[in-house]
Amino acid sequence: FAIMFEALFILTTIDAGTRIGRFLLQETLGRVYAPFGRPDWLPGS
């Protein structure tokens, strides 16, 4: 149970962190190619 507790702590940061990193990269690339700046553009995501 403790191992699951720890892993859940970490995985929820992994998924949120990767999503945040995706937003940041899309914002940066959006200055070069505008569609990248839209978070709902699937190829950019």
All heavy atoms as atom14 arrays in JSON, in Angstrom:
{
  "sequence": "FAIMFEALFILTTIDAGTRIGRFLLQETLGRVYAPFGRPDWLPGS",
  "atom14_mask": [
    [1, 1, 1, 1, 1, 1, 1, 1, 1, 1, 1, 0, 0, 0],
    [1, 1, 1, 1, 1, 0, 0, 0, 0, 0, 0, 0, 0, 0],
    [1, 1, 1, 1, 1, 1, 1, 1, 0, 0, 0, 0, 0, 0],
    [1, 1, 1, 1, 1, 1, 1, 1, 0, 0, 0, 0, 0, 0],
    [1, 1, 1, 1, 1, 1, 1, 1, 1, 1, 1, 0, 0, 0],
    [1, 1, 1, 1, 1, 1, 1, 1, 1, 0, 0, 0, 0, 0],
    [1, 1, 1, 1, 1, 0, 0, 0, 0, 0, 0, 0, 0, 0],
    [1, 1, 1, 1, 1, 1, 1, 1, 0, 0, 0, 0, 0, 0],
    [1, 1, 1, 1, 1, 1, 1, 1, 1, 1, 1, 0, 0, 0],
    [1, 1, 1, 1, 1, 1, 1, 1, 0, 0, 0, 0, 0, 0],
    [1, 1, 1, 1, 1, 1, 1, 1, 0, 0, 0, 0, 0, 0],
    [1, 1, 1, 1, 1, 1, 1, 0, 0, 0, 0, 0, 0, 0],
    [1, 1, 1, 1, 1, 1, 1, 0, 0, 0, 0, 0, 0, 0],
    [1, 1, 1, 1, 1, 1, 1, 1, 0, 0, 0, 0, 0, 0],
    [1, 1, 1, 1, 1, 1, 1, 1, 0, 0, 0, 0, 0, 0],
    [1, 1, 1, 1, 1, 0, 0, 0, 0, 0, 0, 0, 0, 0],
    [1, 1, 1, 1, 0, 0, 0, 0, 0, 0, 0, 0, 0, 0],
    [1, 1, 1, 1, 1, 1, 1, 0, 0, 0, 0, 0, 0, 0],
    [1, 1, 1, 1, 1, 1, 1, 1, 1, 1, 1, 0, 0, 0],
    [1, 1, 1, 1, 1, 1, 1, 1, 0, 0, 0, 0, 0, 0],
    [1, 1, 1, 1, 0, 0, 0, 0, 0, 0, 0, 0, 0, 0],
    [1, 1, 1, 1, 1, 1, 1, 1, 1, 1, 1, 0, 0, 0],
    [1, 1, 1, 1, 1, 1, 1, 1, 1, 1, 1, 0, 0, 0],
    [1, 1, 1, 1, 1, 1, 1, 1, 0, 0, 0, 0, 0, 0],
    [1, 1, 1, 1, 1, 1, 1, 1, 0, 0, 0, 0, 0, 0],
    [1, 1, 1, 1, 1, 1, 1, 1, 1, 0, 0, 0, 0, 0],
    [1, 1, 1, 1, 1, 1, 1, 1, 1, 0, 0, 0, 0, 0],
    [1, 1, 1, 1, 1, 1, 1, 0, 0, 0, 0, 0, 0, 0],
    [1, 1, 1, 1, 1, 1, 1, 1, 0, 0, 0, 0, 0, 0],
    [1, 1, 1, 1, 0, 0, 0, 0, 0, 0, 0, 0, 0, 0],
    [1, 1, 1, 1, 1, 1, 1, 1, 1, 1, 1, 0, 0, 0],
    [1, 1, 1, 1, 1, 1, 1, 0, 0, 0, 0, 0, 0, 0],
    [1, 1, 1, 1, 1, 1, 1, 1, 1, 1, 1, 1, 0, 0],
    [1, 1, 1, 1, 1, 0, 0, 0, 0, 0, 0, 0, 0, 0],
    [1, 1, 1, 1, 1, 1, 1, 0, 0, 0, 0, 0, 0, 0],
    [1, 1, 1, 1, 1, 1, 1, 1, 1, 1, 1, 0, 0, 0],
    [1, 1, 1, 1, 0, 0, 0, 0, 0, 0, 0, 0, 0, 0],
    [1, 1, 1, 1, 1, 1, 1, 1, 1, 1, 1, 0, 0, 0],
    [1, 1, 1, 1, 1, 1, 1, 0, 0, 0, 0, 0, 0, 0],
    [1, 1, 1, 1, 1, 1, 1, 1, 0, 0, 0, 0, 0, 0],
    [1, 1, 1, 1, 1, 1, 1, 1, 1, 1, 1, 1, 1, 1],
    [1, 1, 1, 1, 1, 1, 1, 1, 0, 0, 0, 0, 0, 0],
    [1, 1, 1, 1, 1, 1, 1, 0, 0, 0, 0, 0, 0, 0],
    [1, 1, 1, 1, 0, 0, 0, 0, 0, 0, 0, 0, 0, 0],
    [1, 1, 1, 1, 1, 1, 0, 0, 0, 0, 0, 0, 0, 0]
  ],
  "atom14_positions": [
    [[0.83, -1.2, 0.0], [0.0, 0.0, 0.0], [0.87, 1.25, 0.0], [0.59, 2.23, -0.71], [-0.92, 0.0, 1.23], [-1.78, 1.22, 1.34], [-2.95, 1.33, 0.61], [-1.41, 2.28, 2.15], [-3.75, 2.47, 0.7], [-2.2, 3.42, 2.25], [-3.37, 3.5, 1.52], [0.0, 0.0, 0.0], [0.0, 0.0, 0.0], [0.0, 0.0, 0.0]],
    [[1.96, 1.21, 0.78], [2.88, 2.36, 0.82], [3.56, 2.56, -0.52], [3.74, 3.7, -0.98], [3.92, 2.15, 1.92], [0.0, 0.0, 0.0], [0.0, 0.0, 0.0], [0.0, 0.0, 0.0], [0.0, 0.0, 0.0], [0.0, 0.0, 0.0], [0.0, 0.0, 0.0], [0.0, 0.0, 0.0], [0.0, 0.0, 0.0], [0.0, 0.0, 0.0]],
    [[3.95, 1.47, -1.19], [4.57, 1.58, -2.52], [3.59, 2.2, -3.5], [3.94, 3.07, -4.31], [5.04, 0.19, -3.01], [6.29, -0.26, -2.24], [5.33, 0.21, -4.51], [7.54, 0.52, -2.56], [0.0, 0.0, 0.0], [0.0, 0.0, 0.0], [0.0, 0.0, 0.0], [0.0, 0.0, 0.0], [0.0, 0.0, 0.0], [0.0, 0.0, 0.0]],
    [[2.31, 1.76, -3.45], [1.3, 2.33, -4.33], [1.11, 3.82, -4.02], [1.01, 4.65, -4.93], [-0.02, 1.6, -4.16], [-1.14, 2.15, -5.04], [-2.78, 1.74, -4.44], [-2.85, 2.67, -2.93], [0.0, 0.0, 0.0], [0.0, 0.0, 0.0], [0.0, 0.0, 0.0], [0.0, 0.0, 0.0], [0.0, 0.0, 0.0], [0.0, 0.0, 0.0]],
    [[1.06, 4.14, -2.75], [0.91, 5.52, -2.3], [2.03, 6.4, -2.88], [1.79, 7.47, -3.43], [0.93, 5.52, -0.77], [1.17, 6.86, -0.13], [0.18, 7.81, -0.08], [2.39, 7.14, 0.47], [0.4, 9.03, 0.55], [2.62, 8.34, 1.1], [1.62, 9.3, 1.13], [0.0, 0.0, 0.0], [0.0, 0.0, 0.0], [0.0, 0.0, 0.0]],
    [[3.27, 5.92, -2.8], [4.4, 6.69, -3.32], [4.33, 6.81, -4.84], [4.55, 7.9, -5.4], [5.71, 6.01, -2.92], [5.98, 5.99, -1.44], [7.26, 5.26, -1.12], [8.33, 5.81, -1.39], [7.2, 4.13, -0.63], [0.0, 0.0, 0.0], [0.0, 0.0, 0.0], [0.0, 0.0, 0.0], [0.0, 0.0, 0.0], [0.0, 0.0, 0.0]],
    [[4.06, 5.69, -5.51], [4.04, 5.71, -6.97], [2.94, 6.62, -7.5], [3.12, 7.31, -8.5], [3.87, 4.29, -7.52], [0.0, 0.0, 0.0], [0.0, 0.0, 0.0], [0.0, 0.0, 0.0], [0.0, 0.0, 0.0], [0.0, 0.0, 0.0], [0.0, 0.0, 0.0], [0.0, 0.0, 0.0], [0.0, 0.0, 0.0], [0.0, 0.0, 0.0]],
    [[1.78, 6.65, -6.82], [0.72, 7.56, -7.23], [1.14, 9.01, -7.08], [0.84, 9.85, -7.93], [-0.55, 7.3, -6.41], [-1.39, 6.08, -6.8], [-2.59, 5.95, -5.88], [-1.85, 6.16, -8.25], [0.0, 0.0, 0.0], [0.0, 0.0, 0.0], [0.0, 0.0, 0.0], [0.0, 0.0, 0.0], [0.0, 0.0, 0.0], [0.0, 0.0, 0.0]],
    [[1.85, 9.3, -5.99], [2.38, 10.65, -5.82], [3.2, 11.05, -7.03], [3.08, 12.15, -7.56], [3.27, 10.68, -4.57], [2.65, 11.38, -3.4], [1.77, 10.72, -2.58], [2.97, 12.69, -3.12], [1.2, 11.36, -1.49], [2.41, 13.34, -2.03], [1.52, 12.67, -1.21], [0.0, 0.0, 0.0], [0.0, 0.0, 0.0], [0.0, 0.0, 0.0]],
    [[4.07, 10.15, -7.44], [5.04, 10.47, -8.48], [4.38, 10.5, -9.86], [4.62, 11.41, -10.66], [6.21, 9.46, -8.44], [6.92, 9.56, -7.09], [7.18, 9.72, -9.58], [7.83, 8.39, -6.78], [0.0, 0.0, 0.0], [0.0, 0.0, 0.0], [0.0, 0.0, 0.0], [0.0, 0.0, 0.0], [0.0, 0.0, 0.0], [0.0, 0.0, 0.0]],
    [[3.53, 9.5, -10.15], [2.93, 9.42, -11.47], [2.0, 10.6, -11.75], [1.92, 11.08, -12.89], [2.15, 8.11, -11.62], [3.01, 6.85, -11.73], [2.12, 5.62, -11.84], [3.96, 6.92, -12.9], [0.0, 0.0, 0.0], [0.0, 0.0, 0.0], [0.0, 0.0, 0.0], [0.0, 0.0, 0.0], [0.0, 0.0, 0.0], [0.0, 0.0, 0.0]],
    [[1.3, 11.08, -10.73], [0.44, 12.23, -10.96], [1.25, 13.48, -11.27], [0.75, 14.4, -11.93], [-0.47, 12.49, -9.74], [0.33, 12.49, -8.56], [-1.54, 11.43, -9.63], [0.0, 0.0, 0.0], [0.0, 0.0, 0.0], [0.0, 0.0, 0.0], [0.0, 0.0, 0.0], [0.0, 0.0, 0.0], [0.0, 0.0, 0.0], [0.0, 0.0, 0.0]],
    [[2.48, 13.54, -10.79], [3.36, 14.65, -11.15], [3.95, 14.44, -12.54], [4.13, 15.4, -13.3], [4.48, 14.81, -10.12], [3.91, 14.81, -8.82], [5.24, 16.09, -10.34], [0.0, 0.0, 0.0], [0.0, 0.0, 0.0], [0.0, 0.0, 0.0], [0.0, 0.0, 0.0], [0.0, 0.0, 0.0], [0.0, 0.0, 0.0], [0.0, 0.0, 0.0]],
    [[4.22, 13.2, -12.88], [4.73, 12.88, -14.21], [3.71, 13.29, -15.28], [4.06, 13.94, -16.28], [5.05, 11.38, -14.33], [6.26, 11.0, -13.47], [5.29, 10.99, -15.8], [7.58, 11.45, -14.0], [0.0, 0.0, 0.0], [0.0, 0.0, 0.0], [0.0, 0.0, 0.0], [0.0, 0.0, 0.0], [0.0, 0.0, 0.0], [0.0, 0.0, 0.0]],
    [[2.43, 12.9, -15.08], [1.45, 13.21, -16.13], [1.19, 14.72, -16.22], [1.15, 15.29, -17.3], [0.16, 12.41, -15.96], [-0.49, 12.55, -14.6], [-0.32, 13.59, -13.96], [-1.19, 11.6, -14.18], [0.0, 0.0, 0.0], [0.0, 0.0, 0.0], [0.0, 0.0, 0.0], [0.0, 0.0, 0.0], [0.0, 0.0, 0.0], [0.0, 0.0, 0.0]],
    [[1.03, 15.37, -15.05], [0.81, 16.81, -15.08], [2.04, 17.55, -15.59], [1.94, 18.51, -16.36], [0.44, 17.32, -13.69], [0.0, 0.0, 0.0], [0.0, 0.0, 0.0], [0.0, 0.0, 0.0], [0.0, 0.0, 0.0], [0.0, 0.0, 0.0], [0.0, 0.0, 0.0], [0.0, 0.0, 0.0], [0.0, 0.0, 0.0], [0.0, 0.0, 0.0]],
    [[3.23, 17.1, -15.19], [4.47, 17.75, -15.61], [4.71, 17.62, -17.1], [5.14, 18.58, -17.76], [0.0, 0.0, 0.0], [0.0, 0.0, 0.0], [0.0, 0.0, 0.0], [0.0, 0.0, 0.0], [0.0, 0.0, 0.0], [0.0, 0.0, 0.0], [0.0, 0.0, 0.0], [0.0, 0.0, 0.0], [0.0, 0.0, 0.0], [0.0, 0.0, 0.0]],
    [[4.43, 16.44, -17.65], [4.6, 16.26, -19.09], [3.62, 17.13, -19.86], [3.95, 17.71, -20.9], [4.4, 14.77, -19.47], [5.29, 13.96, -18.7], [4.66, 14.55, -20.95], [0.0, 0.0, 0.0], [0.0, 0.0, 0.0], [0.0, 0.0, 0.0], [0.0, 0.0, 0.0], [0.0, 0.0, 0.0], [0.0, 0.0, 0.0], [0.0, 0.0, 0.0]],
    [[2.4, 17.25, -19.34], [1.4, 18.11, -19.99], [1.84, 19.58, -19.94], [1.7, 20.32, -20.91], [0.04, 17.93, -19.32], [-1.12, 18.52, -20.09], [-2.43, 18.24, -19.39], [-3.57, 18.59, -20.23], [-4.15, 17.78, -21.11], [-3.67, 16.55, -21.27], [-5.18, 18.17, -21.84], [0.0, 0.0, 0.0], [0.0, 0.0, 0.0], [0.0, 0.0, 0.0]],
    [[2.38, 19.99, -18.79], [2.87, 21.36, -18.65], [4.02, 21.6, -19.62], [4.1, 22.65, -20.28], [3.3, 21.63, -17.2], [2.06, 21.66, -16.29], [4.06, 22.94, -17.09], [2.39, 21.59, -14.83], [0.0, 0.0, 0.0], [0.0, 0.0, 0.0], [0.0, 0.0, 0.0], [0.0, 0.0, 0.0], [0.0, 0.0, 0.0], [0.0, 0.0, 0.0]],
    [[4.93, 20.64, -19.71], [6.04, 20.76, -20.65], [5.54, 20.86, -22.08], [6.08, 21.63, -22.89], [0.0, 0.0, 0.0], [0.0, 0.0, 0.0], [0.0, 0.0, 0.0], [0.0, 0.0, 0.0], [0.0, 0.0, 0.0], [0.0, 0.0, 0.0], [0.0, 0.0, 0.0], [0.0, 0.0, 0.0], [0.0, 0.0, 0.0], [0.0, 0.0, 0.0]],
    [[4.49, 20.12, -22.38], [3.87, 20.2, -23.71], [3.34, 21.6, -23.97], [3.56, 22.19, -25.04], [2.74, 19.18, -23.8], [1.89, 19.3, -25.05], [0.51, 18.68, -24.82], [-0.53, 19.53, -25.37], [-1.83, 19.34, -25.16], [-2.24, 18.37, -24.4], [-2.7, 20.16, -25.71], [0.0, 0.0, 0.0], [0.0, 0.0, 0.0], [0.0, 0.0, 0.0]],
    [[2.63, 22.2, -22.99], [2.12, 23.56, -23.15], [3.26, 24.55, -23.41], [3.18, 25.42, -24.28], [1.35, 23.99, -21.9], [0.01, 23.33, -21.73], [-0.53, 23.15, -20.46], [-0.71, 22.87, -22.82], [-1.77, 22.54, -20.29], [-1.94, 22.26, -22.66], [-2.47, 22.1, -21.4], [0.0, 0.0, 0.0], [0.0, 0.0, 0.0], [0.0, 0.0, 0.0]],
    [[4.33, 24.41, -22.62], [5.46, 25.34, -22.74], [6.1, 25.24, -24.12], [6.42, 26.25, -24.75], [6.49, 25.03, -21.65], [6.1, 25.37, -20.21], [7.1, 24.77, -19.24], [6.01, 26.87, -20.02], [0.0, 0.0, 0.0], [0.0, 0.0, 0.0], [0.0, 0.0, 0.0], [0.0, 0.0, 0.0], [0.0, 0.0, 0.0], [0.0, 0.0, 0.0]],
    [[6.31, 24.01, -24.57], [6.94, 23.82, -25.88], [6.03, 24.34, -27.0], [6.52, 24.95, -27.96], [7.28, 22.34, -26.09], [8.06, 22.0, -27.35], [9.37, 22.8, -27.43], [8.36, 20.5, -27.42], [0.0, 0.0, 0.0], [0.0, 0.0, 0.0], [0.0, 0.0, 0.0], [0.0, 0.0, 0.0], [0.0, 0.0, 0.0], [0.0, 0.0, 0.0]],
    [[4.74, 24.1, -26.86], [3.82, 24.59, -27.89], [3.79, 26.12, -27.91], [3.71, 26.72, -28.99], [2.41, 24.04, -27.64], [2.25, 22.59, -28.06], [0.8, 22.14, -28.02], [0.38, 21.44, -27.11], [0.03, 22.53, -29.02], [0.0, 0.0, 0.0], [0.0, 0.0, 0.0], [0.0, 0.0, 0.0], [0.0, 0.0, 0.0], [0.0, 0.0, 0.0]],
    [[3.82, 26.74, -26.74], [3.86, 28.21, -26.71], [5.12, 28.74, -27.41], [5.07, 29.72, -28.16], [3.84, 28.7, -25.27], [2.48, 28.64, -24.6], [2.51, 29.14, -23.17], [3.6, 29.54, -22.71], [1.46, 29.14, -22.51], [0.0, 0.0, 0.0], [0.0, 0.0, 0.0], [0.0, 0.0, 0.0], [0.0, 0.0, 0.0], [0.0, 0.0, 0.0]],
    [[6.25, 28.07, -27.16], [7.51, 28.5, -27.77], [7.49, 28.3, -29.28], [7.85, 29.2, -30.06], [8.69, 27.72, -27.16], [8.68, 27.9, -25.73], [10.01, 28.22, -27.7], [0.0, 0.0, 0.0], [0.0, 0.0, 0.0], [0.0, 0.0, 0.0], [0.0, 0.0, 0.0], [0.0, 0.0, 0.0], [0.0, 0.0, 0.0], [0.0, 0.0, 0.0]],
    [[7.05, 27.1, -29.73], [6.99, 26.82, -31.16], [5.93, 27.66, -31.86], [6.02, 27.91, -33.06], [6.71, 25.33, -31.39], [7.81, 24.36, -30.92], [7.36, 22.92, -31.13], [9.12, 24.61, -31.66], [0.0, 0.0, 0.0], [0.0, 0.0, 0.0], [0.0, 0.0, 0.0], [0.0, 0.0, 0.0], [0.0, 0.0, 0.0], [0.0, 0.0, 0.0]],
    [[4.91, 28.09, -31.1], [3.86, 28.91, -31.68], [4.36, 30.24, -32.2], [3.72, 30.87, -33.05], [0.0, 0.0, 0.0], [0.0, 0.0, 0.0], [0.0, 0.0, 0.0], [0.0, 0.0, 0.0], [0.0, 0.0, 0.0], [0.0, 0.0, 0.0], [0.0, 0.0, 0.0], [0.0, 0.0, 0.0], [0.0, 0.0, 0.0], [0.0, 0.0, 0.0]],
    [[5.51, 30.69, -31.69], [6.08, 31.94, -32.19], [6.7, 31.76, -33.57], [6.91, 32.73, -34.29], [7.15, 32.45, -31.21], [6.6, 32.78, -29.83], [7.66, 33.45, -28.96], [7.14, 33.74, -27.63], [7.32, 32.98, -26.57], [8.02, 31.86, -26.69], [6.82, 33.31, -25.4], [0.0, 0.0, 0.0], [0.0, 0.0, 0.0], [0.0, 0.0, 0.0]],
    [[6.99, 30.48, -33.9], [7.56, 30.18, -35.22], [6.45, 29.77, -36.2], [6.43, 30.19, -37.35], [8.61, 29.05, -35.1], [9.19, 28.71, -36.48], [9.72, 29.45, -34.14], [0.0, 0.0, 0.0], [0.0, 0.0, 0.0], [0.0, 0.0, 0.0], [0.0, 0.0, 0.0], [0.0, 0.0, 0.0], [0.0, 0.0, 0.0], [0.0, 0.0, 0.0]],
    [[5.53, 28.92, -35.73], [4.42, 28.45, -36.56], [3.15, 28.53, -35.71], [2.99, 27.8, -34.74], [4.68, 27.02, -37.03], [3.62, 26.46, -37.94], [3.31, 27.08, -39.16], [2.93, 25.3, -37.59], [2.33, 26.56, -39.99], [1.95, 24.77, -38.43], [1.65, 25.41, -39.62], [0.68, 24.9, -40.45], [0.0, 0.0, 0.0], [0.0, 0.0, 0.0]],
    [[2.26, 29.43, -36.04], [1.13, 29.82, -35.18], [0.28, 28.65, -34.68], [-0.11, 28.64, -33.5], [0.25, 30.83, -35.92], [0.0, 0.0, 0.0], [0.0, 0.0, 0.0], [0.0, 0.0, 0.0], [0.0, 0.0, 0.0], [0.0, 0.0, 0.0], [0.0, 0.0, 0.0], [0.0, 0.0, 0.0], [0.0, 0.0, 0.0], [0.0, 0.0, 0.0]],
    [[-0.06, 27.64, -35.51], [-0.92, 26.55, -35.0], [-0.36, 25.84, -33.77], [-1.12, 25.32, -32.96], [-1.02, 25.6, -36.2], [-0.85, 26.49, -37.39], [0.16, 27.52, -36.97], [0.0, 0.0, 0.0], [0.0, 0.0, 0.0], [0.0, 0.0, 0.0], [0.0, 0.0, 0.0], [0.0, 0.0, 0.0], [0.0, 0.0, 0.0], [0.0, 0.0, 0.0]],
    [[0.99, 25.79, -33.64], [1.57, 25.15, -32.46], [1.12, 25.83, -31.18], [1.07, 25.21, -30.11], [3.1, 25.17, -32.53], [3.7, 24.0, -33.25], [4.34, 24.17, -34.46], [3.61, 22.73, -32.72], [4.89, 23.1, -35.14], [4.16, 21.64, -33.39], [4.8, 21.83, -34.61], [0.0, 0.0, 0.0], [0.0, 0.0, 0.0], [0.0, 0.0, 0.0]],
    [[0.84, 27.11, -31.24], [0.45, 27.85, -30.05], [-0.93, 27.51, -29.53], [-1.29, 27.92, -28.43], [0.0, 0.0, 0.0], [0.0, 0.0, 0.0], [0.0, 0.0, 0.0], [0.0, 0.0, 0.0], [0.0, 0.0, 0.0], [0.0, 0.0, 0.0], [0.0, 0.0, 0.0], [0.0, 0.0, 0.0], [0.0, 0.0, 0.0], [0.0, 0.0, 0.0]],
    [[-1.73, 26.74, -30.33], [-3.06, 26.34, -29.88], [-2.97, 25.02, -29.14], [-2.6, 23.99, -29.72], [-4.01, 26.19, -31.08], [-4.19, 27.44, -31.91], [-5.53, 27.4, -32.66], [-5.81, 26.09, -33.22], [-5.57, 25.74, -34.48], [-5.0, 26.59, -35.33], [-5.89, 24.53, -34.91], [0.0, 0.0, 0.0], [0.0, 0.0, 0.0], [0.0, 0.0, 0.0]],
    [[-3.31, 24.98, -27.84], [-3.21, 23.74, -27.07], [-4.09, 22.62, -27.6], [-3.8, 21.45, -27.36], [-3.64, 24.15, -25.65], [-3.44, 25.62, -25.6], [-3.72, 26.12, -26.98], [0.0, 0.0, 0.0], [0.0, 0.0, 0.0], [0.0, 0.0, 0.0], [0.0, 0.0, 0.0], [0.0, 0.0, 0.0], [0.0, 0.0, 0.0], [0.0, 0.0, 0.0]],
    [[-5.17, 22.96, -28.33], [-6.09, 21.93, -28.82], [-5.73, 21.43, -30.22], [-6.49, 20.65, -30.8], [-7.53, 22.46, -28.81], [-7.69, 23.72, -29.64], [-6.65, 24.31, -30.04], [-8.84, 24.13, -29.9], [0.0, 0.0, 0.0], [0.0, 0.0, 0.0], [0.0, 0.0, 0.0], [0.0, 0.0, 0.0], [0.0, 0.0, 0.0], [0.0, 0.0, 0.0]],
    [[-4.59, 21.87, -30.79], [-4.17, 21.39, -32.12], [-3.48, 20.05, -31.94], [-2.38, 19.97, -31.37], [-3.24, 22.4, -32.78], [-2.96, 22.1, -34.22], [-3.85, 21.83, -35.2], [-1.66, 22.02, -34.84], [-3.21, 21.59, -36.4], [-1.86, 21.72, -36.2], [-0.36, 22.21, -34.37], [-0.8, 21.56, -37.09], [0.7, 22.07, -35.26], [0.48, 21.75, -36.6]],
    [[-4.09, 18.96, -32.41], [-3.63, 17.6, -32.11], [-2.22, 17.31, -32.61], [-1.41, 16.75, -31.86], [-4.63, 16.58, -32.68], [-4.34, 15.11, -32.31], [-4.36, 14.93, -30.8], [-5.37, 14.18, -32.97], [0.0, 0.0, 0.0], [0.0, 0.0, 0.0], [0.0, 0.0, 0.0], [0.0, 0.0, 0.0], [0.0, 0.0, 0.0], [0.0, 0.0, 0.0]],
    [[-1.85, 17.64, -33.87], [-0.47, 17.36, -34.3], [0.57, 18.04, -33.4], [1.6, 17.44, -33.07], [-0.43, 17.91, -35.73], [-1.84, 17.87, -36.19], [-2.67, 18.18, -34.98], [0.0, 0.0, 0.0], [0.0, 0.0, 0.0], [0.0, 0.0, 0.0], [0.0, 0.0, 0.0], [0.0, 0.0, 0.0], [0.0, 0.0, 0.0], [0.0, 0.0, 0.0]],
    [[0.29, 19.29, -33.01], [1.22, 19.98, -32.11], [1.29, 19.32, -30.75], [2.37, 19.2, -30.16], [0.0, 0.0, 0.0], [0.0, 0.0, 0.0], [0.0, 0.0, 0.0], [0.0, 0.0, 0.0], [0.0, 0.0, 0.0], [0.0, 0.0, 0.0], [0.0, 0.0, 0.0], [0.0, 0.0, 0.0], [0.0, 0.0, 0.0], [0.0, 0.0, 0.0]],
    [[0.14, 18.87, -30.24], [0.11, 18.19, -28.94], [0.93, 16.91, -28.98], [1.7, 16.61, -28.05], [-1.34, 17.87, -28.55], [-2.12, 19.03, -28.47], [0.0, 0.0, 0.0], [0.0, 0.0, 0.0], [0.0, 0.0, 0.0], [0.0, 0.0, 0.0], [0.0, 0.0, 0.0], [0.0, 0.0, 0.0], [0.0, 0.0, 0.0], [0.0, 0.0, 0.0]]
  ]
}
